[in-house]
Amino acid sequence: MFPVASRRALAAALCLAAPATAAPLSLGTNTHFGQGWPTRAWDAVALTTAATIREGARWPLIETTPGSYTFTDKTVGHLDRLCAAGRKVILVTKLQNPIYDDGNVVASSGARDAFGNYLAAMASRYRNCLVAIEIGNEVNAGKIAALDPHRFYVNILKAIYPKIKAAAPAVQVLGASSNTVATGYIRDLAKVGLMDWVDGIAIHPYRRDPVNVDWELARLNNAMVAAGKKKPIWITEFSKFFADAGEASDFLAKMAVMMNASGIEQAQWYVLMDFSSVGTMGQYERTGGTTAAGKAFDYFQTQVLPRGTATRVASADPTLFHYRLGADRQILWTTNPRTIAVTGATALRNTKGEAIALPARLGNEPIVVEGNATVTLGEGDTVADSLVSYGRAPWSYFGQRLNNPTRTLEVIDWKWTSFISYPFMRPSGINQLAWVTGGGIKAPITLTMRYTAPTAGNFVAVACVGYKSNTAGIAFEMKRGATTLVTRTIGAESLRLTAPVTLAAGGTVDFITRPAARGEVHNYWYRYRLVKAGTPLPNCPLPGSSTDDPDWHADDTGV
């Protein structure tokens, strides 16, 4: 039997504080002139509506002799040009110079003092255009080889922070630079004094889909509050690799709005211009054309975000994303399509700012409503979705190793994105898009995601399970209480499994996975939903996405 977790206990465990009211979001961008971008990229700088530009400078080129700085066109000409053009700059800096500590991350007191002196010189030189300095880039990615890397990094900040602030008090010092929302990593830094030596926290919330970025940011904010000192979060990079460059506009818009509603006031898109190693992330093509990302960037920066702080409209339906920005801008999308009617709008637009006709149904492609309009929405067919309610009721999570007691799983905060697991069951665990179970046939780990019905009804349980990597097969089962609804062995394939189910209030449906064959790791995409009986079944999502894929293979057992 599974342990019974009361709703009160679950709510307490997963409670996330509402963010303090933020200012409207300001978008910036990233450039790489310090790494050799071509001259033609300056044309894109002249075009972008970015409020700030994040750039780097090479300390080893600027200081080749201890204590002597060479500020020339070769070493800092790109920064001089940005500042001369009236641009505000966020400077990102690495932590090494070959003339100190054999080129390793600065460890000795002398090297750290030298690093602080260099940054103070940069802050003083660019005090009129320099907004912030980000100390290190994605330092959570194992870039500090030390027995205590957290204390090691904080000691660097402790050495340099007073020097920067003495040289240019208005320049913000950003620490904990992390790829993903690395709540556990930042919490561990806070335990050894991080918050005393930074003005803000820098993160790069890279992800496949914007869903749940607000949940992750809330956990990070709560962790800082628990540490006793909360600092502003600066998003100094956000983007993703796009198989289709046209997807970038919706991604950018959703991320910008959800981050601002979570208290974020500053976010840097990555990157200004397409180049070989980033594919189609840029606001501008290498040939000079404006991309879908660039059109969305300009539209939201000038016509949407300045209207007011994004505020999510209260709704009992977590699959509906409806935000207001001031009195005359709304943006809406949903993972649960429904009818939509709008009156009083001056314009309806897509995320690129292009005028559109009102669709018959609101879907996962956002609609921006301009004007003091009234929006009327119907109900969707989905009553529960494991993606949009990840880590929250009505879902709960359990794990069992072999015949050991079943454990209620918990949120694990660590050096990357938080996920749900139990300490001795790792690496088995569940994130918002995929799960990993292992242990092989000798000590298999069973993972269960449970839906608990808040109200009675007739539903269809829909399980999308898709092969991701490293599997010798898994056994999948759906159960209503103690009654088995579906069993299936799944290999390197993608299936939609369904079953009708009638539930009383408090009734449960379990989605269960365990290894079916010898093998240590079994990695699958998943999405579990409950839909109203008699309504069309949802297609399964594209792997790693909230967007449904009509070509996903269906095996509609029981329907």
Protein backbone atom coordinates (compact mmCIF):
# COMPACT_ATOMS: atom_id res chain seq x y z
CA MET A 1 0.00 0.00 0.00
CA PHE A 2 1.10 3.55 -0.67
CA PRO A 3 1.41 6.00 2.24
CA VAL A 4 -1.45 8.46 2.50
CA ALA A 5 -0.30 12.08 2.28
CA SER A 6 -2.92 14.56 3.39
CA ARG A 7 -3.66 17.48 1.10
CA ARG A 8 -2.67 19.80 3.92
CA ALA A 9 0.77 18.19 4.19
CA LEU A 10 1.21 18.16 0.43
CA ALA A 11 0.25 21.81 0.16
CA ALA A 12 2.72 22.72 2.90
CA ALA A 13 5.51 20.77 1.21
CA LEU A 14 4.94 22.35 -2.19
CA CYS A 15 3.84 25.84 -1.09
CA LEU A 16 5.45 28.61 -3.10
CA ALA A 17 5.32 32.23 -2.07
CA ALA A 18 3.77 34.75 -4.43
CA PRO A 19 6.42 37.07 -5.91
CA ALA A 20 6.66 40.65 -4.82
CA THR A 21 5.34 43.12 -7.37
CA ALA A 22 8.03 43.75 -9.95
CA ALA A 23 8.62 46.58 -12.36
CA PRO A 24 7.82 45.92 -16.03
CA LEU A 25 10.36 43.62 -17.66
CA SER A 26 13.21 45.15 -19.65
CA LEU A 27 14.75 42.97 -22.35
CA GLY A 28 18.42 42.96 -23.22
CA THR A 29 20.54 40.82 -25.52
CA ASN A 30 23.94 39.11 -25.76
CA THR A 31 26.80 39.76 -28.18
CA HIS A 32 30.25 38.23 -28.72
CA PHE A 33 32.40 40.97 -30.21
CA GLY A 34 35.05 40.17 -27.63
CA GLN A 35 35.23 36.68 -29.13
CA GLY A 36 35.67 37.88 -32.69
CA TRP A 37 32.23 38.61 -34.12
CA PRO A 38 32.47 40.12 -37.62
CA THR A 39 32.15 43.83 -38.26
CA ARG A 40 28.79 43.39 -40.00
CA ALA A 41 27.25 42.41 -36.65
CA TRP A 42 27.43 46.07 -35.60
CA ASP A 43 24.54 46.69 -37.98
CA ALA A 44 22.40 44.48 -35.73
CA VAL A 45 23.49 46.46 -32.67
CA ALA A 46 22.22 49.62 -34.34
CA LEU A 47 18.85 47.97 -34.99
CA THR A 48 18.09 46.19 -31.73
CA THR A 49 15.69 47.68 -29.20
CA ALA A 50 17.59 45.95 -26.38
CA ALA A 51 17.91 48.04 -23.23
CA THR A 52 21.20 46.37 -22.26
CA ILE A 53 23.88 44.35 -24.03
CA ARG A 54 25.83 41.61 -22.27
CA GLU A 55 29.41 41.36 -23.51
CA GLY A 56 32.75 40.03 -22.39
CA ALA A 57 36.31 41.26 -22.21
CA ARG A 58 39.48 39.18 -22.04
CA TRP A 59 41.33 39.82 -18.83
CA PRO A 60 44.45 37.97 -20.13
CA LEU A 61 44.68 40.43 -23.05
CA ILE A 62 44.11 43.51 -20.90
CA GLU A 63 46.53 42.59 -18.10
CA THR A 64 49.62 40.85 -19.45
CA THR A 65 51.89 42.35 -16.79
CA PRO A 66 50.74 42.33 -13.15
CA GLY A 67 49.08 45.61 -12.24
CA SER A 68 49.30 47.14 -15.73
CA TYR A 69 46.20 47.40 -17.95
CA THR A 70 46.28 47.81 -21.71
CA PHE A 71 43.11 49.53 -22.91
CA THR A 72 43.37 49.56 -26.69
CA ASP A 73 41.05 49.07 -29.63
CA LYS A 74 42.18 45.44 -29.75
CA THR A 75 41.41 44.70 -26.10
CA VAL A 76 38.36 46.86 -25.31
CA GLY A 77 37.45 48.58 -28.56
CA HIS A 78 34.11 46.75 -28.70
CA LEU A 79 33.18 48.02 -25.23
CA ASP A 80 34.25 51.55 -26.13
CA ARG A 81 32.07 51.41 -29.22
CA LEU A 82 29.03 50.13 -27.32
CA CYS A 83 29.38 52.86 -24.74
CA ALA A 84 29.97 55.56 -27.34
CA ALA A 85 26.73 54.46 -29.01
CA GLY A 86 24.86 55.05 -25.75
CA ARG A 87 24.41 51.36 -24.97
CA LYS A 88 24.18 50.06 -21.41
CA VAL A 89 26.44 47.06 -20.83
CA ILE A 90 26.49 43.99 -18.60
CA LEU A 91 30.07 42.71 -18.48
CA VAL A 92 30.62 38.97 -18.04
CA THR A 93 34.07 37.90 -16.96
CA LYS A 94 35.97 34.66 -16.58
CA LEU A 95 37.97 33.88 -13.46
CA GLN A 96 41.43 33.12 -14.90
CA ASN A 97 44.53 34.90 -16.16
CA PRO A 98 47.72 33.00 -17.13
CA ILE A 99 49.90 35.40 -15.15
CA TYR A 100 48.20 34.40 -11.89
CA ASP A 101 47.98 30.96 -10.26
CA ASP A 102 49.26 29.20 -13.40
CA GLY A 103 46.16 30.21 -15.33
CA ASN A 104 43.76 28.39 -13.01
CA VAL A 105 40.70 29.94 -11.38
CA VAL A 106 42.09 32.55 -9.00
CA ALA A 107 42.84 30.82 -5.69
CA SER A 108 45.61 32.70 -3.92
CA SER A 109 44.93 35.93 -2.07
CA GLY A 110 47.30 37.74 -4.43
CA ALA A 111 45.49 36.49 -7.54
CA ARG A 112 42.10 37.35 -6.10
CA ASP A 113 43.26 40.84 -5.18
CA ALA A 114 44.59 41.25 -8.72
CA PHE A 115 41.26 40.09 -10.13
CA GLY A 116 39.45 42.62 -7.96
CA ASN A 117 41.82 45.40 -9.03
CA TYR A 118 41.25 44.55 -12.70
CA LEU A 119 37.46 44.59 -12.29
CA ALA A 120 37.65 47.85 -10.35
CA ALA A 121 39.64 49.37 -13.22
CA MET A 122 37.01 48.18 -15.70
CA ALA A 123 34.17 49.48 -13.53
CA SER A 124 35.86 52.85 -13.22
CA ARG A 125 36.61 53.14 -16.94
CA TYR A 126 33.04 52.26 -17.96
CA ARG A 127 31.15 53.68 -14.99
CA ASN A 128 28.85 55.73 -17.26
CA CYS A 129 27.61 52.78 -19.30
CA LEU A 130 28.33 49.70 -17.20
CA VAL A 131 25.21 48.38 -15.47
CA ALA A 132 26.56 45.19 -13.92
CA ILE A 133 29.45 42.72 -13.84
CA GLU A 134 28.65 38.99 -13.86
CA ILE A 135 31.38 37.14 -11.99
CA GLY A 136 32.05 33.98 -13.95
CA ASN A 137 29.83 32.32 -16.53
CA GLU A 138 27.78 29.27 -15.51
CA VAL A 139 30.01 28.43 -12.59
CA ASN A 140 27.67 25.62 -11.54
CA ALA A 141 28.95 23.57 -14.50
CA GLY A 142 31.94 22.20 -12.59
CA LYS A 143 34.30 25.02 -13.55
CA ILE A 144 35.75 25.33 -10.04
CA ALA A 145 37.86 22.33 -9.06
CA ALA A 146 38.12 22.62 -5.29
CA LEU A 147 37.25 20.50 -2.27
CA ASP A 148 34.68 23.13 -1.28
CA PRO A 149 33.76 24.87 -4.55
CA HIS A 150 30.96 26.91 -2.97
CA ARG A 151 33.19 28.51 -0.34
CA PHE A 152 35.97 28.87 -2.92
CA TYR A 153 33.71 30.91 -5.21
CA VAL A 154 32.29 33.04 -2.39
CA ASN A 155 35.83 33.84 -1.25
CA ILE A 156 36.52 35.24 -4.73
CA LEU A 157 33.46 37.47 -4.41
CA LYS A 158 34.52 38.52 -0.94
CA ALA A 159 37.86 39.71 -2.33
CA ILE A 160 36.53 41.59 -5.35
CA TYR A 161 33.19 43.05 -4.24
CA PRO A 162 34.59 45.88 -2.08
CA LYS A 163 37.01 46.91 -4.82
CA ILE A 164 34.30 47.13 -7.50
CA LYS A 165 31.91 49.06 -5.25
CA ALA A 166 34.64 51.50 -4.22
CA ALA A 167 35.46 52.20 -7.86
CA ALA A 168 31.88 52.45 -9.14
CA PRO A 169 29.18 52.15 -6.46
CA ALA A 170 26.31 52.01 -8.96
CA VAL A 171 27.69 49.00 -10.85
CA GLN A 172 25.85 45.86 -9.74
CA VAL A 173 27.86 42.76 -8.90
CA LEU A 174 26.10 39.59 -10.05
CA GLY A 175 27.09 36.24 -8.59
CA ALA A 176 26.22 32.54 -8.74
CA SER A 177 26.03 32.58 -12.55
CA SER A 178 24.19 29.34 -13.28
CA ASN A 179 22.99 27.40 -16.28
CA THR A 180 19.33 26.52 -15.48
CA VAL A 181 17.48 27.62 -12.35
CA ALA A 182 20.01 25.93 -10.06
CA THR A 183 18.21 26.43 -6.76
CA GLY A 184 20.22 23.88 -4.78
CA TYR A 185 23.54 25.28 -5.99
CA ILE A 186 22.58 28.85 -5.14
CA ARG A 187 21.17 27.81 -1.75
CA ASP A 188 24.50 26.12 -0.93
CA LEU A 189 26.38 29.27 -1.95
CA ALA A 190 24.08 31.31 0.30
CA LYS A 191 24.96 29.06 3.24
CA VAL A 192 28.59 30.17 3.01
CA GLY A 193 27.95 33.89 2.61
CA LEU A 194 27.06 34.54 -1.05
CA MET A 195 24.38 37.13 -0.29
CA ASP A 196 26.82 39.39 1.56
CA TRP A 197 28.98 39.87 -1.53
CA VAL A 198 26.56 40.28 -4.44
CA ASP A 199 23.89 42.73 -5.54
CA GLY A 200 22.02 40.18 -7.64
CA ILE A 201 21.87 36.54 -8.72
CA ALA A 202 22.53 35.66 -12.38
CA ILE A 203 20.84 32.63 -13.91
CA HIS A 204 20.32 31.20 -17.39
CA PRO A 205 16.99 29.31 -17.36
CA TYR A 206 17.57 27.29 -20.52
CA ARG A 207 14.77 24.80 -21.09
CA ARG A 208 12.83 22.98 -23.76
CA ASP A 209 9.50 24.61 -22.91
CA PRO A 210 8.54 27.69 -20.85
CA VAL A 211 6.01 25.76 -18.73
CA ASN A 212 6.95 25.76 -15.02
CA VAL A 213 9.68 28.40 -15.24
CA ASP A 214 7.51 30.32 -12.76
CA TRP A 215 7.47 27.32 -10.39
CA GLU A 216 11.26 27.08 -10.54
CA LEU A 217 11.76 30.81 -9.97
CA ALA A 218 9.40 30.69 -6.99
CA ARG A 219 11.48 27.90 -5.45
CA LEU A 220 14.64 29.94 -5.93
CA ASN A 221 13.06 33.02 -4.37
CA ASN A 222 11.85 30.93 -1.43
CA ALA A 223 15.33 29.47 -0.97
CA MET A 224 16.81 32.97 -0.77
CA VAL A 225 14.16 34.06 1.72
CA ALA A 226 14.95 30.99 3.84
CA ALA A 227 18.65 31.92 3.69
CA GLY A 228 17.79 35.28 5.23
CA LYS A 229 18.69 37.58 2.34
CA LYS A 230 16.82 37.81 -0.95
CA LYS A 231 18.59 39.37 -3.91
CA PRO A 232 17.13 40.33 -7.31
CA ILE A 233 17.35 37.63 -9.96
CA TRP A 234 18.90 38.73 -13.25
CA ILE A 235 18.23 36.53 -16.26
CA THR A 236 21.45 37.13 -18.17
CA GLU A 237 20.74 34.48 -20.81
CA PHE A 238 17.54 32.78 -21.94
CA SER A 239 16.74 30.93 -25.15
CA LYS A 240 16.85 27.39 -26.57
CA PHE A 241 18.00 25.59 -29.69
CA PHE A 242 15.18 25.86 -32.23
CA ALA A 243 14.68 23.15 -34.84
CA ASP A 244 12.34 25.65 -36.52
CA ALA A 245 13.37 29.30 -36.14
CA GLY A 246 9.69 30.26 -36.34
CA GLU A 247 9.12 28.72 -32.89
CA ALA A 248 11.30 31.33 -31.22
CA SER A 249 8.71 34.12 -31.10
CA ASP A 250 6.21 32.17 -28.98
CA PHE A 251 8.99 30.86 -26.73
CA LEU A 252 10.39 34.34 -26.13
CA ALA A 253 6.96 35.83 -25.43
CA LYS A 254 5.92 33.12 -22.98
CA MET A 255 9.22 33.24 -21.13
CA ALA A 256 9.23 37.03 -20.89
CA VAL A 257 5.70 37.23 -19.50
CA MET A 258 6.06 34.33 -17.07
CA MET A 259 9.40 35.59 -15.77
CA ASN A 260 8.07 39.11 -15.20
CA ALA A 261 5.03 37.72 -13.37
CA SER A 262 7.57 35.88 -11.17
CA GLY A 263 9.31 39.10 -10.16
CA ILE A 264 12.01 39.33 -12.84
CA GLU A 265 12.75 42.84 -14.10
CA GLN A 266 15.80 42.24 -16.32
CA ALA A 267 16.29 39.46 -18.90
CA GLN A 268 18.86 39.06 -21.68
CA TRP A 269 17.87 37.12 -24.79
CA TYR A 270 20.57 34.86 -26.18
CA VAL A 271 21.66 35.96 -28.74
CA LEU A 272 21.66 39.08 -30.97
CA MET A 273 22.73 37.39 -34.22
CA ASP A 274 22.74 33.84 -35.58
CA PHE A 275 26.14 32.20 -35.74
CA SER A 276 27.37 28.66 -36.26
CA SER A 277 27.41 27.32 -32.70
CA VAL A 278 23.94 28.58 -31.72
CA GLY A 279 21.96 27.85 -34.86
CA THR A 280 18.85 30.00 -35.13
CA MET A 281 18.72 31.64 -31.70
CA GLY A 282 19.49 35.12 -32.99
CA GLN A 283 17.31 38.19 -33.32
CA TYR A 284 18.92 38.72 -36.71
CA GLU A 285 20.09 36.37 -39.42
CA ARG A 286 23.70 36.48 -40.52
CA THR A 287 22.47 38.02 -43.76
CA GLY A 288 20.80 40.83 -41.81
CA GLY A 289 17.14 39.81 -41.85
CA THR A 290 15.03 39.98 -38.69
CA THR A 291 14.11 36.55 -37.33
CA ALA A 292 10.89 35.51 -35.59
CA ALA A 293 12.75 35.97 -32.29
CA GLY A 294 13.80 39.46 -33.33
CA LYS A 295 10.26 40.46 -34.29
CA ALA A 296 8.89 39.19 -30.98
CA PHE A 297 11.71 40.90 -29.09
CA ASP A 298 10.97 44.28 -30.66
CA TYR A 299 7.19 43.97 -30.33
CA PHE A 300 7.26 42.97 -26.68
CA GLN A 301 10.04 45.40 -25.78
CA THR A 302 8.24 48.40 -27.26
CA GLN A 303 4.51 47.61 -27.31
CA VAL A 304 3.71 45.00 -24.64
CA LEU A 305 6.11 44.86 -21.68
CA PRO A 306 6.22 48.64 -21.03
CA ARG A 307 2.44 48.66 -20.50
CA GLY A 308 2.81 47.23 -17.02
CA THR A 309 4.03 44.37 -14.89
CA ALA A 310 2.72 41.01 -16.06
CA THR A 311 0.07 39.65 -13.69
CA ARG A 312 -1.55 36.25 -14.14
CA VAL A 313 -5.33 36.41 -14.13
CA ALA A 314 -6.72 34.22 -11.35
CA SER A 315 -8.18 30.94 -12.60
CA ALA A 316 -8.89 27.52 -11.15
CA ASP A 317 -7.57 26.03 -14.40
CA PRO A 318 -3.75 25.71 -14.39
CA THR A 319 -3.75 24.87 -18.11
CA LEU A 320 -4.86 28.45 -18.92
CA PHE A 321 -2.12 31.07 -19.17
CA HIS A 322 -3.82 34.49 -19.13
CA TYR A 323 -1.81 37.58 -18.20
CA ARG A 324 -2.56 41.29 -18.05
CA LEU A 325 0.07 43.97 -18.58
CA GLY A 326 -1.42 47.28 -17.58
CA ALA A 327 -4.89 48.37 -18.65
CA ASP A 328 -4.69 47.63 -22.36
CA ARG A 329 -2.60 44.52 -22.98
CA GLN A 330 -3.47 40.87 -22.41
CA ILE A 331 -1.72 37.73 -23.59
CA LEU A 332 -3.33 34.29 -23.53
CA TRP A 333 -2.49 30.72 -24.44
CA THR A 334 -3.48 27.29 -23.17
CA THR A 335 -2.38 23.67 -23.28
CA ASN A 336 -6.09 22.79 -23.08
CA PRO A 337 -7.87 24.28 -26.15
CA ARG A 338 -11.15 26.10 -25.61
CA THR A 339 -13.43 28.63 -27.27
CA ILE A 340 -12.56 32.31 -27.04
CA ALA A 341 -14.50 35.52 -27.66
CA VAL A 342 -13.10 39.06 -27.46
CA THR A 343 -14.96 42.37 -27.39
CA GLY A 344 -13.54 45.89 -27.29
CA ALA A 345 -10.09 45.05 -28.67
CA THR A 346 -8.27 47.56 -30.84
CA ALA A 347 -6.14 44.78 -32.33
CA LEU A 348 -5.33 41.09 -32.01
CA ARG A 349 -1.75 40.06 -32.72
CA ASN A 350 0.55 37.07 -32.70
CA THR A 351 3.80 37.17 -30.76
CA LYS A 352 5.64 38.76 -33.71
CA GLY A 353 3.27 41.73 -33.53
CA GLU A 354 1.43 40.78 -36.72
CA ALA A 355 -2.31 41.43 -36.89
CA ILE A 356 -4.39 38.23 -36.81
CA ALA A 357 -8.05 37.23 -36.90
CA LEU A 358 -9.53 35.74 -33.76
CA PRO A 359 -9.26 31.94 -33.95
CA ALA A 360 -12.27 29.80 -33.12
CA ARG A 361 -10.33 28.21 -30.26
CA LEU A 362 -7.48 29.38 -28.08
CA GLY A 363 -4.53 27.00 -28.18
CA ASN A 364 -0.84 26.87 -27.36
CA GLU A 365 0.03 29.73 -29.73
CA PRO A 366 -0.33 32.97 -27.74
CA ILE A 367 -2.73 35.74 -28.70
CA VAL A 368 -1.98 39.32 -27.69
CA VAL A 369 -5.10 41.43 -27.12
CA GLU A 370 -4.59 45.18 -27.43
CA GLY A 371 -7.04 47.68 -25.98
CA ASN A 372 -9.29 47.68 -22.92
CA ALA A 373 -10.95 44.46 -24.03
CA THR A 374 -13.13 41.79 -22.46
CA VAL A 375 -12.10 38.18 -23.06
CA THR A 376 -14.59 35.35 -22.60
CA LEU A 377 -13.29 31.80 -22.51
CA GLY A 378 -14.97 28.41 -22.62
CA GLU A 379 -13.84 25.33 -20.72
CA GLY A 380 -11.27 22.89 -22.02
CA ASP A 381 -11.69 19.13 -22.05
CA THR A 382 -8.63 18.36 -19.90
CA VAL A 383 -9.25 18.25 -16.15
CA ALA A 384 -5.70 17.38 -15.05
CA ASP A 385 -2.29 17.63 -16.71
CA SER A 386 0.97 16.32 -15.23
CA LEU A 387 2.97 18.96 -17.11
CA VAL A 388 1.32 22.21 -16.07
CA SER A 389 0.72 21.01 -12.49
CA TYR A 390 4.14 19.42 -12.07
CA GLY A 391 5.14 19.27 -8.41
CA ARG A 392 1.69 20.36 -7.23
CA ALA A 393 -1.73 18.98 -6.38
CA PRO A 394 -3.67 17.11 -7.70
CA TRP A 395 -0.49 15.12 -8.43
CA SER A 396 1.65 13.28 -5.90
CA TYR A 397 4.74 11.14 -6.38
CA PHE A 398 5.99 7.85 -4.91
CA GLY A 399 8.96 5.54 -5.32
CA GLN A 400 9.87 2.04 -4.21
CA ARG A 401 13.14 0.10 -4.46
CA LEU A 402 12.46 -3.63 -4.84
CA ASN A 403 10.27 -4.64 -1.86
CA ASN A 404 11.38 -1.84 0.45
CA PRO A 405 8.79 0.55 1.87
CA THR A 406 7.21 2.94 -0.60
CA ARG A 407 8.47 6.50 -0.15
CA THR A 408 6.74 9.78 -0.83
CA LEU A 409 9.05 11.54 -3.26
CA GLU A 410 10.18 15.11 -2.70
CA VAL A 411 11.57 18.00 -4.70
CA ILE A 412 15.36 17.72 -4.95
CA ASP A 413 17.15 21.04 -5.40
CA TRP A 414 20.69 20.62 -6.69
CA LYS A 415 23.25 22.12 -9.09
CA TRP A 416 20.87 21.95 -12.06
CA THR A 417 17.08 22.13 -12.49
CA SER A 418 15.11 20.84 -9.49
CA PHE A 419 13.40 17.48 -9.92
CA ILE A 420 11.33 15.00 -7.90
CA SER A 421 12.99 11.95 -6.35
CA TYR A 422 14.19 10.50 -3.05
CA PRO A 423 17.81 10.74 -1.89
CA PHE A 424 18.74 7.04 -2.00
CA MET A 425 16.80 6.43 -5.25
CA ARG A 426 18.81 8.84 -7.38
CA PRO A 427 19.41 9.01 -10.31
CA SER A 428 15.87 7.70 -10.66
CA GLY A 429 13.49 10.62 -10.64
CA ILE A 430 10.83 12.67 -12.40
CA ASN A 431 11.14 16.06 -14.03
CA GLN A 432 8.39 17.97 -15.78
CA LEU A 433 8.95 16.29 -19.16
CA ALA A 434 10.73 12.98 -18.57
CA TRP A 435 11.43 10.36 -15.96
CA VAL A 436 14.32 8.01 -15.28
CA THR A 437 13.94 4.71 -13.47
CA GLY A 438 16.66 2.17 -12.91
CA GLY A 439 18.06 -0.48 -10.62
CA GLY A 440 17.72 -3.22 -13.23
CA ILE A 441 15.90 -6.46 -12.43
CA LYS A 442 17.88 -7.10 -9.22
CA ALA A 443 16.75 -3.98 -7.37
CA PRO A 444 14.25 -2.24 -9.66
CA ILE A 445 12.90 1.16 -8.73
CA THR A 446 9.20 1.71 -9.29
CA LEU A 447 8.01 5.28 -9.85
CA THR A 448 4.36 6.22 -9.40
CA MET A 449 2.61 9.46 -10.29
CA ARG A 450 -0.81 9.66 -8.67
CA TYR A 451 -3.76 11.82 -9.65
CA THR A 452 -6.28 12.45 -6.87
CA ALA A 453 -9.67 13.64 -8.09
CA PRO A 454 -10.93 16.79 -6.32
CA THR A 455 -14.45 16.08 -7.63
CA ALA A 456 -16.32 13.04 -8.91
CA GLY A 457 -16.69 12.42 -12.62
CA ASN A 458 -16.32 10.21 -15.67
CA PHE A 459 -12.96 10.61 -17.37
CA VAL A 460 -10.47 9.05 -19.74
CA ALA A 461 -6.93 8.63 -18.44
CA VAL A 462 -4.40 9.39 -21.18
CA ALA A 463 -0.75 8.38 -20.82
CA CYS A 464 1.82 9.48 -23.38
CA VAL A 465 5.08 7.58 -22.96
CA GLY A 466 7.93 8.03 -25.42
CA TYR A 467 11.38 6.50 -25.65
CA LYS A 468 14.14 8.98 -24.88
CA SER A 469 17.38 7.05 -24.37
CA ASN A 470 19.22 4.19 -22.64
CA THR A 471 16.53 1.59 -22.17
CA ALA A 472 16.09 -2.14 -22.15
CA GLY A 473 12.34 -1.71 -21.70
CA ILE A 474 9.95 -0.68 -18.96
CA ALA A 475 6.74 -2.10 -17.56
CA PHE A 476 3.97 0.48 -17.54
CA GLU A 477 0.73 0.22 -15.62
CA MET A 478 -2.34 2.39 -15.00
CA LYS A 479 -4.50 1.66 -11.95
CA ARG A 480 -7.67 3.09 -10.45
CA GLY A 481 -7.19 2.45 -6.76
CA ALA A 482 -6.32 -1.26 -6.62
CA THR A 483 -7.87 -2.03 -10.04
CA THR A 484 -5.51 -2.41 -12.99
CA LEU A 485 -6.66 -0.50 -16.08
CA VAL A 486 -3.73 -0.93 -18.48
CA THR A 487 -0.49 -2.91 -18.50
CA ARG A 488 2.11 -2.69 -21.23
CA THR A 489 5.79 -3.39 -21.78
CA ILE A 490 7.32 -0.46 -23.66
CA GLY A 491 10.63 -0.54 -25.48
CA ALA A 492 12.19 1.97 -27.87
CA GLU A 493 8.83 3.34 -28.98
CA SER A 494 6.30 6.09 -28.30
CA LEU A 495 2.77 5.17 -27.26
CA ARG A 496 -0.49 6.77 -26.19
CA LEU A 497 -2.28 4.49 -23.73
CA THR A 498 -5.80 5.30 -22.60
CA ALA A 499 -8.49 3.92 -20.31
CA PRO A 500 -11.96 5.11 -19.22
CA VAL A 501 -12.25 5.72 -15.51
CA THR A 502 -15.03 6.75 -13.13
CA LEU A 503 -13.84 8.45 -9.96
CA ALA A 504 -15.45 9.58 -6.75
CA ALA A 505 -14.05 12.68 -5.07
CA GLY A 506 -10.74 11.56 -3.59
CA GLY A 507 -10.45 8.66 -6.03
CA THR A 508 -7.04 8.03 -7.57
CA VAL A 509 -5.39 7.02 -10.82
CA ASP A 510 -1.80 5.78 -10.62
CA PHE A 511 0.64 5.88 -13.54
CA ILE A 512 3.34 3.34 -12.67
CA THR A 513 6.69 2.55 -14.31
CA ARG A 514 9.38 0.00 -13.44
CA PRO A 515 12.24 -1.71 -15.32
CA ALA A 516 11.03 -4.66 -17.39
CA ALA A 517 14.44 -6.03 -18.28
CA ARG A 518 18.06 -5.93 -17.22
CA GLY A 519 19.51 -2.46 -17.56
CA GLU A 520 20.48 0.29 -15.18
CA VAL A 521 18.77 3.34 -16.67
CA HIS A 522 15.43 3.71 -18.45
CA ASN A 523 14.69 7.19 -19.74
CA TYR A 524 11.32 8.19 -21.24
CA TRP A 525 9.35 11.28 -22.10
CA TYR A 526 5.94 11.32 -20.47
CA ARG A 527 2.75 13.30 -20.10
CA TYR A 528 -0.31 12.14 -18.18
CA ARG A 529 -3.74 13.72 -18.49
CA LEU A 530 -7.33 13.17 -17.39
CA VAL A 531 -9.95 14.37 -19.88
CA LYS A 532 -13.71 14.51 -19.71
CA ALA A 533 -15.40 11.34 -20.96
CA GLY A 534 -16.92 11.72 -24.41
CA THR A 535 -14.55 14.47 -25.56
CA PRO A 536 -11.79 14.19 -28.19
CA LEU A 537 -8.62 12.59 -26.86
CA PRO A 538 -5.57 14.87 -26.86
CA ASN A 539 -2.63 14.05 -29.07
CA CYS A 540 0.66 13.35 -27.36
CA PRO A 541 3.24 16.15 -27.17
CA LEU A 542 6.35 16.53 -29.21
CA PRO A 543 9.21 15.16 -27.09
CA GLY A 544 10.23 17.73 -24.51
CA SER A 545 7.44 20.15 -25.41
CA SER A 546 3.95 21.24 -24.44
CA THR A 547 2.98 21.29 -28.13
CA ASP A 548 0.97 18.25 -29.23
CA ASP A 549 2.15 16.06 -32.12
CA PRO A 550 -0.67 14.51 -34.18
CA ASP A 551 1.74 11.90 -35.60
CA TRP A 552 2.53 10.29 -32.22
CA HIS A 553 1.55 6.62 -32.40
CA ALA A 554 -1.65 5.83 -30.51
CA ASP A 555 -2.53 2.54 -28.83
CA ASP A 556 -5.89 3.44 -27.33
CA THR A 557 -6.37 0.37 -25.18
CA GLY A 558 -9.75 0.37 -23.45
CA VAL A 559 -11.45 3.21 -25.38
